[in-house]
Amino acid sequence: MSDKTSYILIGASGHAKVVLDILEKSGEKVQCLLELNPSIKQLFNHPVFEEKDFFIKPDHLVIVAVGDNKRRQLIASKHKVSFGLAIHPEATIASYVKIGTGNMIMAKAVINPDVTIGDHCIINTGGVVEHDCELGDYCHVSPGAVVCGGVSVGEGTQIGAGAVILPGVKIGSWVTIGAGAVVTKNVPSDSVLIGNPGKVIR
C-alpha cells in the first residue's frame, strides 16, 4: 500500500484491533499505537505509548483508529502528519472511486463506481456504498449498512448497523441514523433518525 516505513495507529481499543488486523493482513508494518489512557500498555504484540511520549516522524503514516466520529475529527485535526489508508484485502472497491486520506475500509465492504469518500471515514464490515454516492469527511457506515445509489452524506454522519439509505436521499452533517433504519427522505443536519420507515426524532 505504501513505501513509507511504518504505520502509527492513534487509538488502542476495539476499533484499533480491527484496523491493526487490516494492516497486518495487507503486509504493512505497524510500529506502535498511541493512546491517551495510560493504563493501556500493549495491544496484542504491539506496544502502546501515550501520545505525549512519542514523536511521529515524517516517514510514518498515521491512522486515527477511533470509532467515534467527533473524537476522530478532534484527534486528526490536531496532528500535522501524513495519514495513510487501511483497506482490508477482502474489501471490494470498484474502478473510478475517489477515496480520501485516513480512511478505514473493513472486510467484505463493497464500494461501487463513481463514489467519492472524504477523509477519515469508516466503511465497516459488510457495508455497501453503491454507485454515484458522496460521503463527507468523518462519516461511519456501520456493519451491514447499505447506502444505495446517488446518495449524499454530510460530514460526521453515523449510519447505524443494518440501516438502508434509499436511492437519491440527501443526508446532512452530523446525523445519527439508528440501527436497522430505512431512510426514505432527506434528513436535515444535526438530527437523529430511527425506524422503518425512518422518522426524525430530534
N, C-alpha and C. Protein backbone atom coordinates (compact mmCIF):
# COMPACT_ATOMS: atom_id res chain seq x y z
N MET A 1 0.80 -1.21 0.00
CA MET A 1 0.00 0.00 0.00
C MET A 1 0.84 1.27 0.00
N SER A 2 2.06 1.21 0.54
CA SER A 2 2.84 2.43 0.68
C SER A 2 4.31 2.09 0.77
N ASP A 3 5.17 3.06 0.34
CA ASP A 3 6.60 2.88 0.51
C ASP A 3 7.10 3.54 1.78
N LYS A 4 6.20 4.04 2.62
CA LYS A 4 6.59 4.59 3.91
C LYS A 4 7.09 3.45 4.79
N THR A 5 7.85 3.81 5.85
CA THR A 5 8.49 2.76 6.63
C THR A 5 7.52 2.04 7.54
N SER A 6 6.57 2.74 8.15
CA SER A 6 5.69 2.07 9.09
C SER A 6 4.47 2.92 9.41
N TYR A 7 3.48 2.25 9.99
CA TYR A 7 2.25 2.91 10.41
C TYR A 7 2.26 3.15 11.91
N ILE A 8 1.62 4.25 12.28
CA ILE A 8 1.31 4.54 13.68
C ILE A 8 -0.21 4.63 13.78
N LEU A 9 -0.79 3.89 14.72
CA LEU A 9 -2.22 3.99 14.97
C LEU A 9 -2.46 4.85 16.21
N ILE A 10 -3.38 5.78 16.10
CA ILE A 10 -3.81 6.54 17.26
C ILE A 10 -5.12 5.93 17.72
N GLY A 11 -5.11 5.39 18.93
CA GLY A 11 -6.22 4.60 19.46
C GLY A 11 -5.75 3.18 19.70
N ALA A 12 -6.22 2.57 20.79
CA ALA A 12 -5.76 1.23 21.13
C ALA A 12 -6.87 0.41 21.78
N SER A 13 -8.11 0.66 21.35
CA SER A 13 -9.22 -0.12 21.90
C SER A 13 -9.84 -0.98 20.81
N GLY A 14 -11.15 -1.22 20.87
CA GLY A 14 -11.78 -2.19 19.98
C GLY A 14 -11.61 -1.89 18.51
N HIS A 15 -11.85 -0.65 18.12
CA HIS A 15 -11.74 -0.31 16.69
C HIS A 15 -10.30 -0.47 16.20
N ALA A 16 -9.35 -0.12 17.06
CA ALA A 16 -7.94 -0.25 16.68
C ALA A 16 -7.56 -1.70 16.43
N LYS A 17 -8.19 -2.63 17.13
CA LYS A 17 -7.91 -4.04 16.88
C LYS A 17 -8.21 -4.42 15.43
N VAL A 18 -9.33 -3.91 14.92
CA VAL A 18 -9.74 -4.23 13.56
C VAL A 18 -8.78 -3.59 12.55
N VAL A 19 -8.43 -2.33 12.79
CA VAL A 19 -7.52 -1.63 11.87
C VAL A 19 -6.14 -2.28 11.88
N LEU A 20 -5.68 -2.66 13.06
CA LEU A 20 -4.38 -3.35 13.17
C LEU A 20 -4.39 -4.64 12.36
N ASP A 21 -5.48 -5.40 12.46
CA ASP A 21 -5.59 -6.64 11.70
C ASP A 21 -5.57 -6.39 10.20
N ILE A 22 -6.26 -5.33 9.76
CA ILE A 22 -6.27 -4.98 8.33
C ILE A 22 -4.86 -4.71 7.84
N LEU A 23 -4.13 -3.88 8.57
CA LEU A 23 -2.78 -3.53 8.14
C LEU A 23 -1.87 -4.74 8.09
N GLU A 24 -1.97 -5.60 9.11
CA GLU A 24 -1.14 -6.80 9.12
C GLU A 24 -1.48 -7.73 7.96
N LYS A 25 -2.77 -7.88 7.67
CA LYS A 25 -3.16 -8.74 6.56
C LYS A 25 -2.74 -8.14 5.21
N SER A 26 -2.54 -6.82 5.19
CA SER A 26 -2.10 -6.14 3.96
C SER A 26 -0.59 -6.10 3.83
N GLY A 27 0.12 -6.69 4.79
CA GLY A 27 1.57 -6.73 4.74
C GLY A 27 2.26 -5.45 5.19
N GLU A 28 1.53 -4.58 5.87
CA GLU A 28 2.12 -3.33 6.34
C GLU A 28 2.78 -3.52 7.71
N LYS A 29 3.75 -2.69 7.98
CA LYS A 29 4.43 -2.70 9.28
C LYS A 29 3.77 -1.68 10.19
N VAL A 30 3.34 -2.12 11.36
CA VAL A 30 2.79 -1.22 12.38
C VAL A 30 3.82 -1.10 13.49
N GLN A 31 4.34 0.10 13.66
CA GLN A 31 5.39 0.29 14.66
C GLN A 31 4.84 0.30 16.07
N CYS A 32 3.74 1.05 16.28
CA CYS A 32 3.17 1.11 17.61
C CYS A 32 1.82 1.79 17.55
N LEU A 33 1.17 1.83 18.70
CA LEU A 33 -0.10 2.52 18.84
C LEU A 33 0.04 3.59 19.89
N LEU A 34 -0.72 4.67 19.73
CA LEU A 34 -0.73 5.77 20.68
C LEU A 34 -2.10 5.86 21.33
N GLU A 35 -2.14 6.17 22.62
CA GLU A 35 -3.40 6.16 23.35
C GLU A 35 -3.32 7.15 24.52
N LEU A 36 -4.43 7.84 24.78
CA LEU A 36 -4.48 8.77 25.90
C LEU A 36 -4.58 8.06 27.24
N ASN A 37 -5.14 6.87 27.25
CA ASN A 37 -5.31 6.11 28.50
C ASN A 37 -4.00 5.46 28.89
N PRO A 38 -3.35 5.94 29.96
CA PRO A 38 -2.03 5.42 30.32
C PRO A 38 -2.04 3.98 30.83
N SER A 39 -3.21 3.43 31.13
CA SER A 39 -3.27 2.05 31.64
C SER A 39 -3.13 1.02 30.52
N ILE A 40 -3.29 1.45 29.25
CA ILE A 40 -3.15 0.52 28.12
C ILE A 40 -1.69 0.55 27.65
N LYS A 41 -1.00 -0.56 27.83
CA LYS A 41 0.42 -0.64 27.51
C LYS A 41 0.72 -1.48 26.28
N GLN A 42 -0.23 -2.32 25.86
CA GLN A 42 0.03 -3.22 24.74
C GLN A 42 -1.29 -3.62 24.12
N LEU A 43 -1.29 -3.79 22.80
CA LEU A 43 -2.43 -4.34 22.08
C LEU A 43 -1.91 -5.50 21.25
N PHE A 44 -2.33 -6.70 21.61
CA PHE A 44 -1.75 -7.92 21.05
C PHE A 44 -0.24 -7.87 21.26
N ASN A 45 0.56 -7.92 20.20
CA ASN A 45 2.02 -7.90 20.40
C ASN A 45 2.62 -6.53 20.08
N HIS A 46 1.81 -5.49 20.07
CA HIS A 46 2.29 -4.17 19.71
C HIS A 46 2.31 -3.25 20.93
N PRO A 47 3.39 -2.50 21.12
CA PRO A 47 3.45 -1.58 22.26
C PRO A 47 2.50 -0.40 22.09
N VAL A 48 2.01 0.10 23.20
CA VAL A 48 1.14 1.27 23.22
C VAL A 48 1.80 2.36 24.06
N PHE A 49 1.92 3.54 23.47
CA PHE A 49 2.52 4.69 24.15
C PHE A 49 1.47 5.78 24.34
N GLU A 50 1.69 6.62 25.32
CA GLU A 50 0.89 7.83 25.41
C GLU A 50 1.34 8.79 24.32
N GLU A 51 0.40 9.55 23.77
CA GLU A 51 0.71 10.46 22.67
C GLU A 51 1.84 11.42 23.04
N LYS A 52 1.83 11.91 24.26
CA LYS A 52 2.82 12.90 24.69
C LYS A 52 4.23 12.33 24.76
N ASP A 53 4.35 11.00 24.77
CA ASP A 53 5.66 10.36 24.93
C ASP A 53 6.24 9.85 23.62
N PHE A 54 5.57 10.16 22.48
CA PHE A 54 6.03 9.59 21.22
C PHE A 54 6.06 10.66 20.15
N PHE A 55 7.15 10.70 19.40
CA PHE A 55 7.29 11.66 18.32
C PHE A 55 6.99 10.97 16.99
N ILE A 56 6.02 11.49 16.25
CA ILE A 56 5.68 10.93 14.94
C ILE A 56 6.62 11.52 13.89
N LYS A 57 7.37 10.66 13.23
CA LYS A 57 8.36 11.10 12.25
C LYS A 57 7.72 11.33 10.88
N PRO A 58 8.37 12.09 10.02
CA PRO A 58 7.81 12.35 8.68
C PRO A 58 7.59 11.10 7.84
N ASP A 59 8.35 10.02 8.10
CA ASP A 59 8.18 8.82 7.29
C ASP A 59 7.16 7.85 7.89
N HIS A 60 6.46 8.26 8.93
CA HIS A 60 5.36 7.46 9.44
C HIS A 60 4.06 7.83 8.73
N LEU A 61 3.21 6.84 8.51
CA LEU A 61 1.84 7.07 8.12
C LEU A 61 0.95 6.82 9.33
N VAL A 62 -0.02 7.69 9.52
CA VAL A 62 -0.86 7.66 10.71
C VAL A 62 -2.30 7.35 10.33
N ILE A 63 -2.95 6.54 11.14
CA ILE A 63 -4.39 6.31 11.03
C ILE A 63 -5.00 6.53 12.42
N VAL A 64 -6.05 7.34 12.46
CA VAL A 64 -6.77 7.56 13.71
C VAL A 64 -7.80 6.44 13.84
N ALA A 65 -7.42 5.40 14.58
CA ALA A 65 -8.22 4.18 14.69
C ALA A 65 -9.21 4.29 15.84
N VAL A 66 -10.12 5.25 15.71
CA VAL A 66 -11.11 5.56 16.74
C VAL A 66 -12.48 5.54 16.07
N GLY A 67 -13.43 4.81 16.64
CA GLY A 67 -14.73 4.65 16.02
C GLY A 67 -15.63 5.87 16.12
N ASP A 68 -15.52 6.63 17.19
CA ASP A 68 -16.39 7.79 17.40
C ASP A 68 -16.02 8.91 16.43
N ASN A 69 -16.99 9.38 15.65
CA ASN A 69 -16.69 10.34 14.59
C ASN A 69 -16.16 11.67 15.11
N LYS A 70 -16.79 12.21 16.13
CA LYS A 70 -16.36 13.50 16.66
C LYS A 70 -14.96 13.42 17.27
N ARG A 71 -14.71 12.36 18.01
CA ARG A 71 -13.38 12.20 18.61
C ARG A 71 -12.32 11.99 17.53
N ARG A 72 -12.66 11.24 16.49
CA ARG A 72 -11.72 11.04 15.39
C ARG A 72 -11.38 12.37 14.72
N GLN A 73 -12.38 13.21 14.55
CA GLN A 73 -12.15 14.53 13.96
C GLN A 73 -11.23 15.38 14.85
N LEU A 74 -11.49 15.38 16.14
CA LEU A 74 -10.67 16.18 17.06
C LEU A 74 -9.21 15.74 17.04
N ILE A 75 -9.01 14.42 17.02
CA ILE A 75 -7.63 13.91 17.02
C ILE A 75 -6.94 14.21 15.70
N ALA A 76 -7.62 13.93 14.58
CA ALA A 76 -7.00 14.12 13.27
C ALA A 76 -6.66 15.59 13.02
N SER A 77 -7.52 16.49 13.48
CA SER A 77 -7.31 17.91 13.19
C SER A 77 -6.14 18.51 13.94
N LYS A 78 -5.72 17.89 15.01
CA LYS A 78 -4.61 18.45 15.79
C LYS A 78 -3.25 17.91 15.37
N HIS A 79 -3.21 16.91 14.49
CA HIS A 79 -1.95 16.30 14.07
C HIS A 79 -1.62 16.73 12.64
N LYS A 80 -0.49 17.36 12.45
CA LYS A 80 0.00 17.73 11.12
C LYS A 80 0.97 16.66 10.64
N VAL A 81 0.40 15.54 10.19
CA VAL A 81 1.19 14.38 9.80
C VAL A 81 0.65 13.84 8.48
N SER A 82 1.30 12.81 7.98
CA SER A 82 0.82 12.11 6.78
C SER A 82 -0.10 10.97 7.20
N PHE A 83 -1.33 11.00 6.70
CA PHE A 83 -2.29 9.96 7.04
C PHE A 83 -2.31 8.89 5.95
N GLY A 84 -2.46 7.65 6.39
CA GLY A 84 -2.49 6.53 5.46
C GLY A 84 -3.90 5.99 5.24
N LEU A 85 -3.98 4.80 4.69
CA LEU A 85 -5.24 4.11 4.45
C LEU A 85 -5.14 2.69 4.99
N ALA A 86 -6.26 2.19 5.50
CA ALA A 86 -6.34 0.78 5.89
C ALA A 86 -7.49 0.16 5.10
N ILE A 87 -7.17 -0.67 4.12
CA ILE A 87 -8.19 -1.29 3.27
C ILE A 87 -8.00 -2.80 3.34
N HIS A 88 -8.99 -3.49 3.85
CA HIS A 88 -8.89 -4.94 4.01
C HIS A 88 -8.77 -5.61 2.64
N PRO A 89 -7.93 -6.64 2.53
CA PRO A 89 -7.79 -7.34 1.25
C PRO A 89 -9.09 -7.94 0.73
N GLU A 90 -10.05 -8.19 1.61
CA GLU A 90 -11.32 -8.77 1.18
C GLU A 90 -12.40 -7.72 0.95
N ALA A 91 -12.05 -6.45 0.97
CA ALA A 91 -12.98 -5.41 0.55
C ALA A 91 -13.00 -5.36 -0.97
N THR A 92 -14.15 -4.97 -1.53
CA THR A 92 -14.30 -4.85 -2.98
C THR A 92 -14.48 -3.39 -3.34
N ILE A 93 -13.51 -2.84 -4.06
CA ILE A 93 -13.55 -1.44 -4.44
C ILE A 93 -13.49 -1.35 -5.95
N ALA A 94 -14.51 -0.74 -6.53
CA ALA A 94 -14.60 -0.66 -7.99
C ALA A 94 -13.59 0.33 -8.55
N SER A 95 -13.47 0.32 -9.86
CA SER A 95 -12.71 1.38 -10.54
C SER A 95 -13.49 2.69 -10.44
N TYR A 96 -12.80 3.78 -10.66
CA TYR A 96 -13.41 5.11 -10.68
C TYR A 96 -14.03 5.46 -9.33
N VAL A 97 -13.29 5.18 -8.28
CA VAL A 97 -13.69 5.55 -6.92
C VAL A 97 -12.63 6.49 -6.36
N LYS A 98 -13.07 7.56 -5.71
CA LYS A 98 -12.16 8.51 -5.08
C LYS A 98 -12.22 8.32 -3.57
N ILE A 99 -11.08 7.97 -2.99
CA ILE A 99 -11.02 7.70 -1.55
C ILE A 99 -10.02 8.66 -0.92
N GLY A 100 -10.46 9.40 0.06
CA GLY A 100 -9.61 10.37 0.74
C GLY A 100 -8.58 9.69 1.64
N THR A 101 -7.95 10.49 2.46
CA THR A 101 -6.89 10.01 3.32
C THR A 101 -7.43 9.63 4.70
N GLY A 102 -6.70 8.72 5.37
CA GLY A 102 -7.07 8.33 6.73
C GLY A 102 -8.25 7.39 6.82
N ASN A 103 -8.72 6.86 5.71
CA ASN A 103 -9.92 6.03 5.72
C ASN A 103 -9.62 4.60 6.13
N MET A 104 -10.68 3.94 6.66
CA MET A 104 -10.60 2.55 7.10
C MET A 104 -11.75 1.79 6.46
N ILE A 105 -11.41 0.78 5.64
CA ILE A 105 -12.41 0.01 4.91
C ILE A 105 -12.25 -1.45 5.30
N MET A 106 -13.29 -2.00 5.91
CA MET A 106 -13.19 -3.30 6.54
C MET A 106 -13.51 -4.45 5.58
N ALA A 107 -13.38 -5.67 6.09
CA ALA A 107 -13.63 -6.87 5.30
C ALA A 107 -15.06 -6.91 4.77
N LYS A 108 -15.18 -7.38 3.53
CA LYS A 108 -16.47 -7.58 2.85
C LYS A 108 -17.20 -6.28 2.53
N ALA A 109 -16.59 -5.14 2.80
CA ALA A 109 -17.19 -3.88 2.35
C ALA A 109 -17.18 -3.84 0.83
N VAL A 110 -18.19 -3.16 0.26
CA VAL A 110 -18.29 -3.01 -1.19
C VAL A 110 -18.48 -1.53 -1.52
N ILE A 111 -17.63 -1.01 -2.38
CA ILE A 111 -17.75 0.37 -2.84
C ILE A 111 -17.80 0.33 -4.36
N ASN A 112 -18.90 0.80 -4.92
CA ASN A 112 -19.12 0.68 -6.36
C ASN A 112 -18.72 1.95 -7.11
N PRO A 113 -18.78 1.94 -8.46
CA PRO A 113 -18.17 3.02 -9.24
C PRO A 113 -18.75 4.41 -8.98
N ASP A 114 -17.89 5.39 -9.23
CA ASP A 114 -18.23 6.81 -9.17
C ASP A 114 -18.66 7.23 -7.77
N VAL A 115 -18.00 6.67 -6.77
CA VAL A 115 -18.20 7.05 -5.37
C VAL A 115 -17.06 7.94 -4.94
N THR A 116 -17.38 8.95 -4.16
CA THR A 116 -16.37 9.82 -3.56
C THR A 116 -16.49 9.72 -2.04
N ILE A 117 -15.39 9.38 -1.40
CA ILE A 117 -15.36 9.25 0.06
C ILE A 117 -14.35 10.26 0.59
N GLY A 118 -14.78 11.06 1.56
CA GLY A 118 -13.91 12.08 2.13
C GLY A 118 -12.79 11.49 2.97
N ASP A 119 -12.28 12.27 3.89
CA ASP A 119 -11.16 11.85 4.74
C ASP A 119 -11.64 11.26 6.06
N HIS A 120 -10.86 10.31 6.58
CA HIS A 120 -11.07 9.75 7.92
C HIS A 120 -12.45 9.11 8.09
N CYS A 121 -12.92 8.44 7.05
CA CYS A 121 -14.20 7.74 7.12
C CYS A 121 -13.97 6.27 7.46
N ILE A 122 -15.06 5.64 7.91
CA ILE A 122 -15.06 4.20 8.17
C ILE A 122 -16.16 3.56 7.34
N ILE A 123 -15.79 2.58 6.52
CA ILE A 123 -16.77 1.72 5.86
C ILE A 123 -16.59 0.36 6.53
N ASN A 124 -17.50 0.07 7.45
CA ASN A 124 -17.29 -1.07 8.34
C ASN A 124 -17.65 -2.39 7.67
N THR A 125 -17.51 -3.47 8.42
CA THR A 125 -17.62 -4.82 7.91
C THR A 125 -18.94 -5.03 7.15
N GLY A 126 -18.84 -5.40 5.89
CA GLY A 126 -20.01 -5.69 5.09
C GLY A 126 -20.82 -4.48 4.68
N GLY A 127 -20.32 -3.29 4.92
CA GLY A 127 -21.02 -2.09 4.50
C GLY A 127 -20.98 -1.94 2.99
N VAL A 128 -22.05 -1.39 2.41
CA VAL A 128 -22.15 -1.23 0.96
C VAL A 128 -22.40 0.23 0.63
N VAL A 129 -21.58 0.77 -0.26
CA VAL A 129 -21.80 2.12 -0.79
C VAL A 129 -21.96 1.97 -2.29
N GLU A 130 -23.16 2.22 -2.77
CA GLU A 130 -23.47 1.99 -4.18
C GLU A 130 -22.97 3.15 -5.06
N HIS A 131 -23.18 3.01 -6.36
CA HIS A 131 -22.67 3.93 -7.36
C HIS A 131 -23.15 5.37 -7.12
N ASP A 132 -22.32 6.31 -7.51
CA ASP A 132 -22.67 7.74 -7.55
C ASP A 132 -23.00 8.33 -6.18
N CYS A 133 -22.41 7.79 -5.13
CA CYS A 133 -22.61 8.34 -3.79
C CYS A 133 -21.46 9.26 -3.42
N GLU A 134 -21.72 10.14 -2.47
CA GLU A 134 -20.70 11.03 -1.95
C GLU A 134 -20.80 11.07 -0.42
N LEU A 135 -19.70 10.73 0.23
CA LEU A 135 -19.64 10.73 1.69
C LEU A 135 -18.65 11.81 2.14
N GLY A 136 -19.09 12.66 3.06
CA GLY A 136 -18.21 13.69 3.60
C GLY A 136 -17.19 13.12 4.58
N ASP A 137 -16.30 13.98 5.04
CA ASP A 137 -15.28 13.57 5.99
C ASP A 137 -15.90 13.03 7.28
N TYR A 138 -15.20 12.09 7.92
CA TYR A 138 -15.53 11.57 9.25
C TYR A 138 -16.86 10.83 9.30
N CYS A 139 -17.35 10.32 8.18
CA CYS A 139 -18.55 9.50 8.19
C CYS A 139 -18.22 8.08 8.65
N HIS A 140 -19.26 7.38 9.09
CA HIS A 140 -19.10 5.98 9.51
C HIS A 140 -20.30 5.19 8.99
N VAL A 141 -20.04 4.29 8.06
CA VAL A 141 -21.05 3.35 7.58
C VAL A 141 -20.86 2.07 8.39
N SER A 142 -21.77 1.81 9.31
CA SER A 142 -21.62 0.71 10.26
C SER A 142 -21.80 -0.65 9.59
N PRO A 143 -21.48 -1.75 10.32
CA PRO A 143 -21.56 -3.08 9.72
C PRO A 143 -22.92 -3.38 9.10
N GLY A 144 -22.88 -3.87 7.88
CA GLY A 144 -24.08 -4.30 7.20
C GLY A 144 -24.99 -3.21 6.68
N ALA A 145 -24.61 -1.96 6.82
CA ALA A 145 -25.44 -0.86 6.31
C ALA A 145 -25.30 -0.77 4.80
N VAL A 146 -26.37 -0.29 4.15
CA VAL A 146 -26.39 -0.17 2.68
C VAL A 146 -26.75 1.26 2.31
N VAL A 147 -25.85 1.89 1.58
CA VAL A 147 -26.10 3.23 1.05
C VAL A 147 -26.36 3.06 -0.44
N CYS A 148 -27.62 3.22 -0.85
CA CYS A 148 -27.99 2.98 -2.25
C CYS A 148 -27.49 4.09 -3.17
N GLY A 149 -27.71 3.93 -4.45
CA GLY A 149 -27.11 4.80 -5.44
C GLY A 149 -27.56 6.25 -5.35
N GLY A 150 -26.63 7.15 -5.65
CA GLY A 150 -26.94 8.56 -5.75
C GLY A 150 -27.19 9.27 -4.43
N VAL A 151 -26.74 8.71 -3.34
CA VAL A 151 -26.95 9.29 -2.00
C VAL A 151 -25.79 10.22 -1.66
N SER A 152 -26.09 11.33 -1.01
CA SER A 152 -25.04 12.19 -0.47
C SER A 152 -25.17 12.20 1.06
N VAL A 153 -24.03 12.11 1.73
CA VAL A 153 -23.98 12.03 3.19
C VAL A 153 -23.01 13.10 3.68
N GLY A 154 -23.49 13.95 4.58
CA GLY A 154 -22.67 15.04 5.08
C GLY A 154 -21.63 14.60 6.10
N GLU A 155 -20.74 15.52 6.43
CA GLU A 155 -19.64 15.28 7.35
C GLU A 155 -20.13 14.72 8.69
N GLY A 156 -19.39 13.74 9.20
CA GLY A 156 -19.59 13.27 10.56
C GLY A 156 -20.81 12.41 10.78
N THR A 157 -21.52 12.03 9.75
CA THR A 157 -22.75 11.27 9.93
C THR A 157 -22.45 9.80 10.23
N GLN A 158 -23.24 9.25 11.14
CA GLN A 158 -23.15 7.84 11.54
C GLN A 158 -24.35 7.11 10.99
N ILE A 159 -24.10 6.11 10.14
CA ILE A 159 -25.17 5.27 9.60
C ILE A 159 -25.12 3.95 10.34
N GLY A 160 -26.16 3.66 11.12
CA GLY A 160 -26.15 2.53 12.04
C GLY A 160 -26.12 1.18 11.35
N ALA A 161 -25.80 0.16 12.14
CA ALA A 161 -25.68 -1.20 11.62
C ALA A 161 -26.98 -1.65 10.97
N GLY A 162 -26.87 -2.17 9.77
CA GLY A 162 -28.02 -2.71 9.06
C GLY A 162 -28.99 -1.68 8.51
N ALA A 163 -28.68 -0.41 8.62
CA ALA A 163 -29.55 0.62 8.07
C ALA A 163 -29.49 0.61 6.55
N VAL A 164 -30.55 1.12 5.92
CA VAL A 164 -30.61 1.21 4.46
C VAL A 164 -30.99 2.64 4.09
N ILE A 165 -30.18 3.25 3.25
CA ILE A 165 -30.46 4.59 2.73
C ILE A 165 -30.93 4.42 1.29
N LEU A 166 -32.17 4.80 1.00
CA LEU A 166 -32.72 4.58 -0.34
C LEU A 166 -32.10 5.53 -1.37
N PRO A 167 -32.21 5.19 -2.65
CA PRO A 167 -31.51 5.96 -3.69
C PRO A 167 -31.89 7.44 -3.71
N GLY A 168 -30.88 8.26 -3.94
CA GLY A 168 -31.08 9.69 -4.15
C GLY A 168 -31.30 10.52 -2.91
N VAL A 169 -31.29 9.91 -1.74
CA VAL A 169 -31.54 10.65 -0.50
C VAL A 169 -30.33 11.53 -0.17
N LYS A 170 -30.61 12.70 0.40
CA LYS A 170 -29.56 13.60 0.86
C LYS A 170 -29.61 13.66 2.39
N ILE A 171 -28.46 13.34 3.02
CA ILE A 171 -28.36 13.33 4.47
C ILE A 171 -27.40 14.43 4.88
N GLY A 172 -27.80 15.24 5.85
CA GLY A 172 -26.98 16.36 6.29
C GLY A 172 -25.77 15.92 7.09
N SER A 173 -25.12 16.90 7.73
CA SER A 173 -23.91 16.65 8.52
C SER A 173 -24.26 16.30 9.97
N TRP A 174 -23.43 15.45 10.56
CA TRP A 174 -23.54 15.06 11.97
C TRP A 174 -24.93 14.53 12.31
N VAL A 175 -25.41 13.68 11.41
CA VAL A 175 -26.68 12.98 11.60
C VAL A 175 -26.39 11.60 12.20
N THR A 176 -27.29 11.12 13.04
CA THR A 176 -27.21 9.75 13.54
C THR A 176 -28.40 8.97 12.98
N ILE A 177 -28.10 7.93 12.19
CA ILE A 177 -29.12 7.03 11.65
C ILE A 177 -29.10 5.77 12.50
N GLY A 178 -30.23 5.45 13.13
CA GLY A 178 -30.28 4.30 14.02
C GLY A 178 -30.09 2.98 13.30
N ALA A 179 -29.69 1.97 14.07
CA ALA A 179 -29.51 0.63 13.51
C ALA A 179 -30.82 0.12 12.93
N GLY A 180 -30.75 -0.45 11.73
CA GLY A 180 -31.91 -1.04 11.09
C GLY A 180 -32.89 -0.05 10.48
N ALA A 181 -32.58 1.24 10.55
CA ALA A 181 -33.49 2.24 9.98
C ALA A 181 -33.51 2.15 8.46
N VAL A 182 -34.64 2.55 7.89
CA VAL A 182 -34.76 2.66 6.43
C VAL A 182 -35.06 4.12 6.12
N VAL A 183 -34.11 4.77 5.47
CA VAL A 183 -34.20 6.21 5.22
C VAL A 183 -34.79 6.42 3.83
N THR A 184 -35.99 7.02 3.78
CA THR A 184 -36.71 7.19 2.52
C THR A 184 -36.74 8.63 2.04
N LYS A 185 -36.40 9.58 2.95
CA LYS A 185 -36.48 11.00 2.61
C LYS A 185 -35.21 11.70 3.08
N ASN A 186 -35.00 12.92 2.59
CA ASN A 186 -33.85 13.71 3.01
C ASN A 186 -33.87 13.92 4.52
N VAL A 187 -32.67 14.03 5.10
CA VAL A 187 -32.53 14.16 6.55
C VAL A 187 -31.72 15.41 6.85
N PRO A 188 -32.24 16.35 7.69
CA PRO A 188 -31.50 17.58 7.98
C PRO A 188 -30.30 17.32 8.89
N SER A 189 -29.35 18.24 8.85
CA SER A 189 -28.16 18.14 9.69
C SER A 189 -28.52 18.12 11.17
N ASP A 190 -27.63 17.53 11.97
CA ASP A 190 -27.72 17.54 13.44
C ASP A 190 -29.02 16.91 13.93
N SER A 191 -29.46 15.84 13.26
CA SER A 191 -30.69 15.18 13.68
C SER A 191 -30.43 13.70 13.94
N VAL A 192 -31.44 13.06 14.55
CA VAL A 192 -31.40 11.63 14.82
C VAL A 192 -32.61 11.00 14.14
N LEU A 193 -32.38 9.93 13.40
CA LEU A 193 -33.46 9.24 12.68
C LEU A 193 -33.45 7.78 13.06
N ILE A 194 -34.66 7.23 13.34
CA ILE A 194 -34.79 5.81 13.65
C ILE A 194 -36.01 5.24 12.93
N GLY A 195 -36.10 3.92 12.86
CA GLY A 195 -37.31 3.25 12.44
C GLY A 195 -37.40 2.92 10.96
N ASN A 196 -38.48 2.20 10.62
CA ASN A 196 -38.77 1.79 9.24
C ASN A 196 -40.27 1.97 8.99
N PRO A 197 -40.63 2.98 8.18
CA PRO A 197 -39.75 3.98 7.54
C PRO A 197 -39.16 4.93 8.58
N GLY A 198 -38.02 5.49 8.25
CA GLY A 198 -37.30 6.33 9.19
C GLY A 198 -38.03 7.61 9.54
N LYS A 199 -37.97 7.98 10.81
CA LYS A 199 -38.54 9.24 11.28
C LYS A 199 -37.51 10.01 12.09
N VAL A 200 -37.46 11.30 11.87
CA VAL A 200 -36.56 12.15 12.66
C VAL A 200 -37.18 12.37 14.03
N ILE A 201 -36.44 12.02 15.07
CA ILE A 201 -36.96 12.16 16.44
C ILE A 201 -36.28 13.31 17.19
N ARG A 202 -35.24 13.89 16.57
CA ARG A 202 -34.58 15.03 17.24
C ARG A 202 -33.88 15.88 16.22
